[in-house]
Amino acid sequence: MEVVIEGLEINILEKIKKTKGKDKEVVRVVEEMKKARVKNLRGNEWEIEEELMLKKGKVYIPKDEELRMEIV
């Protein structure tokens, strides 16, 4: 299945990608994935897909108050 994303959504996705390094939980999970050389962790609870972190199959929004408010 191919998803086409355009307009403001592109900016939001870029912000999500940039802020993932500021979220301690995401940083820890990414480090675990790198050590194990895998793209999913803990029975697919966490996955990396096109530079986005997925938690339980959904895009994980890093703990960034400003970003979360913008999305809402």
PDB file of N, CA and C in Angstrom:
ATOM      1  N   MET A   1       0.837  -1.176   0.000  1.00  0.00           N
ATOM      2  CA  MET A   1       0.000   0.000   0.000  1.00  0.00           C
ATOM      3  C   MET A   1       0.882   1.239   0.000  1.00  0.00           C
ATOM      4  N   GLU A   2       0.629   2.146  -0.897  1.00  0.00           N
ATOM      5  CA  GLU A   2       1.407   3.371  -0.996  1.00  0.00           C
ATOM      6  C   GLU A   2       0.595   4.527  -0.431  1.00  0.00           C
ATOM      7  N   VAL A   3       1.232   5.333   0.408  1.00  0.00           N
ATOM      8  CA  VAL A   3       0.574   6.483   1.016  1.00  0.00           C
ATOM      9  C   VAL A   3       1.209   7.743   0.447  1.00  0.00           C
ATOM     10  N   VAL A   4       0.386   8.661  -0.023  1.00  0.00           N
ATOM     11  CA  VAL A   4       0.884   9.923  -0.560  1.00  0.00           C
ATOM     12  C   VAL A   4       0.665  10.997   0.500  1.00  0.00           C
ATOM     13  N   ILE A   5       1.752  11.665   0.845  1.00  0.00           N
ATOM     14  CA  ILE A   5       1.688  12.718   1.848  1.00  0.00           C
ATOM     15  C   ILE A   5       2.169  14.003   1.196  1.00  0.00           C
ATOM     16  N   GLU A   6       1.370  15.054   1.360  1.00  0.00           N
ATOM     17  CA  GLU A   6       1.752  16.330   0.770  1.00  0.00           C
ATOM     18  C   GLU A   6       1.277  17.468   1.651  1.00  0.00           C
ATOM     19  N   GLY A   7       1.722  18.663   1.338  1.00  0.00           N
ATOM     20  CA  GLY A   7       1.283  19.847   2.068  1.00  0.00           C
ATOM     21  C   GLY A   7       1.854  19.919   3.469  1.00  0.00           C
ATOM     22  N   LEU A   8       1.012  20.359   4.399  1.00  0.00           N
ATOM     23  CA  LEU A   8       1.439  20.566   5.790  1.00  0.00           C
ATOM     24  C   LEU A   8       1.896  19.278   6.464  1.00  0.00           C
ATOM     25  N   GLU A   9       1.356  18.152   6.026  1.00  0.00           N
ATOM     26  CA  GLU A   9       1.741  16.878   6.632  1.00  0.00           C
ATOM     27  C   GLU A   9       3.229  16.589   6.472  1.00  0.00           C
ATOM     28  N   ILE A  10       3.804  17.012   5.357  1.00  0.00           N
ATOM     29  CA  ILE A  10       5.238  16.809   5.132  1.00  0.00           C
ATOM     30  C   ILE A  10       6.039  17.542   6.206  1.00  0.00           C
ATOM     31  N   ASN A  11       5.641  18.784   6.507  1.00  0.00           N
ATOM     32  CA  ASN A  11       6.341  19.559   7.532  1.00  0.00           C
ATOM     33  C   ASN A  11       6.235  18.893   8.900  1.00  0.00           C
ATOM     34  N   ILE A  12       5.059  18.373   9.227  1.00  0.00           N
ATOM     35  CA  ILE A  12       4.865  17.700  10.505  1.00  0.00           C
ATOM     36  C   ILE A  12       5.753  16.464  10.593  1.00  0.00           C
ATOM     37  N   LEU A  13       5.785  15.662   9.526  1.00  0.00           N
ATOM     38  CA  LEU A  13       6.624  14.457   9.534  1.00  0.00           C
ATOM     39  C   LEU A  13       8.094  14.807   9.706  1.00  0.00           C
ATOM     40  N   GLU A  14       8.546  15.859   9.056  1.00  0.00           N
ATOM     41  CA  GLU A  14       9.942  16.284   9.208  1.00  0.00           C
ATOM     42  C   GLU A  14      10.225  16.702  10.649  1.00  0.00           C
ATOM     43  N   LYS A  15       9.290  17.404  11.274  1.00  0.00           N
ATOM     44  CA  LYS A  15       9.468  17.819  12.663  1.00  0.00           C
ATOM     45  C   LYS A  15       9.512  16.602  13.587  1.00  0.00           C
ATOM     46  N   ILE A  16       8.659  15.612  13.319  1.00  0.00           N
ATOM     47  CA  ILE A  16       8.659  14.396  14.127  1.00  0.00           C
ATOM     48  C   ILE A  16      10.019  13.706  14.020  1.00  0.00           C
ATOM     49  N   LYS A  17      10.539  13.605  12.800  1.00  0.00           N
ATOM     50  CA  LYS A  17      11.840  12.967  12.589  1.00  0.00           C
ATOM     51  C   LYS A  17      12.948  13.717  13.328  1.00  0.00           C
ATOM     52  N   LYS A  18      12.896  15.045  13.300  1.00  0.00           N
ATOM     53  CA  LYS A  18      13.947  15.853  13.923  1.00  0.00           C
ATOM     54  C   LYS A  18      13.891  15.810  15.445  1.00  0.00           C
ATOM     55  N   THR A  19      12.693  15.708  16.011  1.00  0.00           N
ATOM     56  CA  THR A  19      12.578  15.758  17.468  1.00  0.00           C
ATOM     57  C   THR A  19      12.735  14.406  18.145  1.00  0.00           C
ATOM     58  N   LYS A  20      12.784  13.323  17.375  1.00  0.00           N
ATOM     59  CA  LYS A  20      12.893  12.009  18.016  1.00  0.00           C
ATOM     60  C   LYS A  20      14.177  11.878  18.838  1.00  0.00           C
ATOM     61  N   GLY A  21      15.220  12.612  18.478  1.00  0.00           N
ATOM     62  CA  GLY A  21      16.476  12.566  19.218  1.00  0.00           C
ATOM     63  C   GLY A  21      16.410  13.270  20.561  1.00  0.00           C
ATOM     64  N   LYS A  22      15.324  14.003  20.814  1.00  0.00           N
ATOM     65  CA  LYS A  22      15.165  14.722  22.074  1.00  0.00           C
ATOM     66  C   LYS A  22      14.360  13.921  23.097  1.00  0.00           C
ATOM     67  N   ASP A  23      13.768  12.822  22.670  1.00  0.00           N
ATOM     68  CA  ASP A  23      12.933  11.998  23.542  1.00  0.00           C
ATOM     69  C   ASP A  23      13.774  10.840  24.078  1.00  0.00           C
ATOM     70  N   LYS A  24      14.021  10.826  25.374  1.00  0.00           N
ATOM     71  CA  LYS A  24      14.907   9.822  25.983  1.00  0.00           C
ATOM     72  C   LYS A  24      14.458   8.394  25.698  1.00  0.00           C
ATOM     73  N   GLU A  25      13.145   8.155  25.715  1.00  0.00           N
ATOM     74  CA  GLU A  25      12.644   6.802  25.468  1.00  0.00           C
ATOM     75  C   GLU A  25      12.982   6.357  24.046  1.00  0.00           C
ATOM     76  N   VAL A  26      12.797   7.245  23.076  1.00  0.00           N
ATOM     77  CA  VAL A  26      13.090   6.915  21.681  1.00  0.00           C
ATOM     78  C   VAL A  26      14.580   6.694  21.490  1.00  0.00           C
ATOM     79  N   VAL A  27      15.402   7.535  22.081  1.00  0.00           N
ATOM     80  CA  VAL A  27      16.851   7.400  21.963  1.00  0.00           C
ATOM     81  C   VAL A  27      17.289   6.038  22.503  1.00  0.00           C
ATOM     82  N   ARG A  28      16.748   5.637  23.640  1.00  0.00           N
ATOM     83  CA  ARG A  28      17.097   4.353  24.239  1.00  0.00           C
ATOM     84  C   ARG A  28      16.683   3.194  23.340  1.00  0.00           C
ATOM     85  N   VAL A  29      15.481   3.266  22.785  1.00  0.00           N
ATOM     86  CA  VAL A  29      14.989   2.202  21.902  1.00  0.00           C
ATOM     87  C   VAL A  29      15.826   2.123  20.631  1.00  0.00           C
ATOM     88  N   VAL A  30      16.146   3.264  20.042  1.00  0.00           N
ATOM     89  CA  VAL A  30      16.955   3.280  18.818  1.00  0.00           C
ATOM     90  C   VAL A  30      18.328   2.682  19.095  1.00  0.00           C
ATOM     91  N   GLU A  31      18.920   3.004  20.232  1.00  0.00           N
ATOM     92  CA  GLU A  31      20.222   2.437  20.583  1.00  0.00           C
ATOM     93  C   GLU A  31      20.138   0.920  20.723  1.00  0.00           C
ATOM     94  N   GLU A  32      19.070   0.426  21.347  1.00  0.00           N
ATOM     95  CA  GLU A  32      18.877  -1.021  21.469  1.00  0.00           C
ATOM     96  C   GLU A  32      18.759  -1.672  20.091  1.00  0.00           C
ATOM     97  N   MET A  33      18.021  -1.011  19.192  1.00  0.00           N
ATOM     98  CA  MET A  33      17.835  -1.548  17.841  1.00  0.00           C
ATOM     99  C   MET A  33      19.156  -1.590  17.081  1.00  0.00           C
ATOM    100  N   LYS A  34      19.951  -0.536  17.227  1.00  0.00           N
ATOM    101  CA  LYS A  34      21.243  -0.497  16.551  1.00  0.00           C
ATOM    102  C   LYS A  34      22.162  -1.603  17.055  1.00  0.00           C
ATOM    103  N   LYS A  35      22.183  -1.807  18.372  1.00  0.00           N
ATOM    104  CA  LYS A  35      23.022  -2.859  18.949  1.00  0.00           C
ATOM    105  C   LYS A  35      22.609  -4.232  18.434  1.00  0.00           C
ATOM    106  N   ALA A  36      21.297  -4.440  18.345  1.00  0.00           N
ATOM    107  CA  ALA A  36      20.781  -5.739  17.899  1.00  0.00           C
ATOM    108  C   ALA A  36      20.720  -5.843  16.367  1.00  0.00           C
ATOM    109  N   ARG A  37      20.955  -4.720  15.691  1.00  0.00           N
ATOM    110  CA  ARG A  37      20.896  -4.656  14.222  1.00  0.00           C
ATOM    111  C   ARG A  37      19.553  -5.159  13.689  1.00  0.00           C
ATOM    112  N   VAL A  38      18.484  -4.604  14.256  1.00  0.00           N
ATOM    113  CA  VAL A  38      17.129  -4.971  13.834  1.00  0.00           C
ATOM    114  C   VAL A  38      16.319  -3.710  13.565  1.00  0.00           C
ATOM    115  N   LYS A  39      15.194  -3.880  12.851  1.00  0.00           N
ATOM    116  CA  LYS A  39      14.303  -2.753  12.580  1.00  0.00           C
ATOM    117  C   LYS A  39      13.032  -2.813  13.424  1.00  0.00           C
ATOM    118  N   ASN A  40      12.919  -3.841  14.258  1.00  0.00           N
ATOM    119  CA  ASN A  40      11.820  -3.880  15.215  1.00  0.00           C
ATOM    120  C   ASN A  40      12.339  -4.470  16.515  1.00  0.00           C
ATOM    121  N   LEU A  41      11.635  -4.173  17.585  1.00  0.00           N
ATOM    122  CA  LEU A  41      12.110  -4.543  18.911  1.00  0.00           C
ATOM    123  C   LEU A  41      10.931  -4.911  19.790  1.00  0.00           C
ATOM    124  N   ARG A  42      11.165  -5.853  20.665  1.00  0.00           N
ATOM    125  CA  ARG A  42      10.154  -6.282  21.640  1.00  0.00           C
ATOM    126  C   ARG A  42       8.870  -6.757  20.964  1.00  0.00           C
ATOM    127  N   GLY A  43       9.025  -7.725  20.074  1.00  0.00           N
ATOM    128  CA  GLY A  43       7.853  -8.309  19.424  1.00  0.00           C
ATOM    129  C   GLY A  43       7.056  -7.304  18.624  1.00  0.00           C
ATOM    130  N   ASN A  44       7.735  -6.441  17.912  1.00  0.00           N
ATOM    131  CA  ASN A  44       7.127  -5.407  17.068  1.00  0.00           C
ATOM    132  C   ASN A  44       6.456  -4.276  17.841  1.00  0.00           C
ATOM    133  N   GLU A  45       6.725  -4.173  19.148  1.00  0.00           N
ATOM    134  CA  GLU A  45       6.185  -3.031  19.887  1.00  0.00           C
ATOM    135  C   GLU A  45       6.764  -1.743  19.304  1.00  0.00           C
ATOM    136  N   TRP A  46       8.070  -1.764  19.010  1.00  0.00           N
ATOM    137  CA  TRP A  46       8.761  -0.625  18.416  1.00  0.00           C
ATOM    138  C   TRP A  46       9.286  -1.024  17.049  1.00  0.00           C
ATOM    139  N   GLU A  47       9.122  -0.133  16.062  1.00  0.00           N
ATOM    140  CA  GLU A  47       9.660  -0.352  14.717  1.00  0.00           C
ATOM    141  C   GLU A  47      10.169   0.973  14.164  1.00  0.00           C
ATOM    142  N   ILE A  48      11.090   0.875  13.229  1.00  0.00           N
ATOM    143  CA  ILE A  48      11.531   2.051  12.489  1.00  0.00           C
ATOM    144  C   ILE A  48      11.052   1.868  11.057  1.00  0.00           C
ATOM    145  N   GLU A  49      10.354   2.867  10.549  1.00  0.00           N
ATOM    146  CA  GLU A  49       9.870   2.815   9.173  1.00  0.00           C
ATOM    147  C   GLU A  49      10.068   4.193   8.553  1.00  0.00           C
ATOM    148  N   GLU A  50      10.897   4.239   7.524  1.00  0.00           N
ATOM    149  CA  GLU A  50      11.190   5.493   6.818  1.00  0.00           C
ATOM    150  C   GLU A  50      11.548   6.622   7.784  1.00  0.00           C
ATOM    151  N   GLU A  51      12.465   6.338   8.693  1.00  0.00           N
ATOM    152  CA  GLU A  51      12.989   7.288   9.677  1.00  0.00           C
ATOM    153  C   GLU A  51      11.980   7.681  10.757  1.00  0.00           C
ATOM    154  N   LEU A  52      10.812   7.078  10.759  1.00  0.00           N
ATOM    155  CA  LEU A  52       9.823   7.349  11.791  1.00  0.00           C
ATOM    156  C   LEU A  52       9.802   6.205  12.777  1.00  0.00           C
ATOM    157  N   MET A  53       9.601   6.515  14.045  1.00  0.00           N
ATOM    158  CA  MET A  53       9.450   5.486  15.065  1.00  0.00           C
ATOM    159  C   MET A  53       7.977   5.129  15.148  1.00  0.00           C
ATOM    160  N   LEU A  54       7.703   3.841  15.119  1.00  0.00           N
ATOM    161  CA  LEU A  54       6.345   3.361  15.289  1.00  0.00           C
ATOM    162  C   LEU A  54       6.273   2.612  16.616  1.00  0.00           C
ATOM    163  N   LYS A  55       5.234   2.860  17.366  1.00  0.00           N
ATOM    164  CA  LYS A  55       4.989   2.126  18.606  1.00  0.00           C
ATOM    165  C   LYS A  55       3.631   1.460  18.450  1.00  0.00           C
ATOM    166  N   LYS A  56       3.647   0.145  18.499  1.00  0.00           N
ATOM    167  CA  LYS A  56       2.437  -0.654  18.307  1.00  0.00           C
ATOM    168  C   LYS A  56       1.751  -0.305  16.985  1.00  0.00           C
ATOM    169  N   GLY A  57       2.564  -0.086  15.934  1.00  0.00           N
ATOM    170  CA  GLY A  57       2.049   0.146  14.591  1.00  0.00           C
ATOM    171  C   GLY A  57       1.609   1.570  14.284  1.00  0.00           C
ATOM    172  N   LYS A  58       1.789   2.486  15.227  1.00  0.00           N
ATOM    173  CA  LYS A  58       1.375   3.881  15.016  1.00  0.00           C
ATOM    174  C   LYS A  58       2.581   4.795  15.153  1.00  0.00           C
ATOM    175  N   VAL A  59       2.562   5.905  14.407  1.00  0.00           N
ATOM    176  CA  VAL A  59       3.669   6.861  14.482  1.00  0.00           C
ATOM    177  C   VAL A  59       3.751   7.394  15.906  1.00  0.00           C
ATOM    178  N   TYR A  60       4.946   7.278  16.490  1.00  0.00           N
ATOM    179  CA  TYR A  60       5.177   7.768  17.847  1.00  0.00           C
ATOM    180  C   TYR A  60       5.565   9.231  17.768  1.00  0.00           C
ATOM    181  N   ILE A  61       4.837  10.073  18.494  1.00  0.00           N
ATOM    182  CA  ILE A  61       5.143  11.499  18.538  1.00  0.00           C
ATOM    183  C   ILE A  61       6.034  11.733  19.758  1.00  0.00           C
ATOM    184  N   PRO A  62       7.264  12.206  19.522  1.00  0.00           N
ATOM    185  CA  PRO A  62       8.186  12.438  20.641  1.00  0.00           C
ATOM    186  C   PRO A  62       7.590  13.390  21.680  1.00  0.00           C
ATOM    187  N   LYS A  63       8.103  13.285  22.891  1.00  0.00           N
ATOM    188  CA  LYS A  63       7.616  14.109  23.991  1.00  0.00           C
ATOM    189  C   LYS A  63       8.124  15.534  23.831  1.00  0.00           C
ATOM    190  N   ASP A  64       7.491  16.245  22.943  1.00  0.00           N
ATOM    191  CA  ASP A  64       7.807  17.640  22.650  1.00  0.00           C
ATOM    192  C   ASP A  64       6.480  18.387  22.684  1.00  0.00           C
ATOM    193  N   GLU A  65       6.277  19.164  23.726  1.00  0.00           N
ATOM    194  CA  GLU A  65       5.000  19.846  23.962  1.00  0.00           C
ATOM    195  C   GLU A  65       4.558  20.680  22.758  1.00  0.00           C
ATOM    196  N   GLU A  66       5.465  21.454  22.198  1.00  0.00           N
ATOM    197  CA  GLU A  66       5.129  22.326  21.069  1.00  0.00           C
ATOM    198  C   GLU A  66       4.692  21.510  19.850  1.00  0.00           C
ATOM    199  N   LEU A  67       5.418  20.459  19.558  1.00  0.00           N
ATOM    200  CA  LEU A  67       5.076  19.599  18.415  1.00  0.00           C
ATOM    201  C   LEU A  67       3.731  18.926  18.626  1.00  0.00           C
ATOM    202  N   ARG A  68       3.506  18.397  19.814  1.00  0.00           N
ATOM    203  CA  ARG A  68       2.231  17.732  20.094  1.00  0.00           C
ATOM    204  C   ARG A  68       1.060  18.696  19.974  1.00  0.00           C
ATOM    205  N   MET A  69       1.238  19.932  20.436  1.00  0.00           N
ATOM    206  CA  MET A  69       0.167  20.934  20.325  1.00  0.00           C
ATOM    207  C   MET A  69      -0.096  21.274  18.861  1.00  0.00           C
ATOM    208  N   GLU A  70       0.958  21.378  18.070  1.00  0.00           N
ATOM    209  CA  GLU A  70       0.795  21.668  16.648  1.00  0.00           C
ATOM    210  C   GLU A  70       0.011  20.575  15.947  1.00  0.00           C
ATOM    211  N   ILE A  71       0.276  19.343  16.301  1.00  0.00           N
ATOM    212  CA  ILE A  71      -0.418  18.209  15.673  1.00  0.00           C
ATOM    213  C   ILE A  71      -1.895  18.216  16.060  1.00  0.00           C
ATOM    214  N   VAL A  72      -2.166  18.474  17.330  1.00  0.00           N
ATOM    215  CA  VAL A  72      -3.561  18.506  17.800  1.00  0.00           C
ATOM    216  C   VAL A  72      -4.268  19.660  17.138  1.00  0.00           C
TER     217      VAL A  72
END
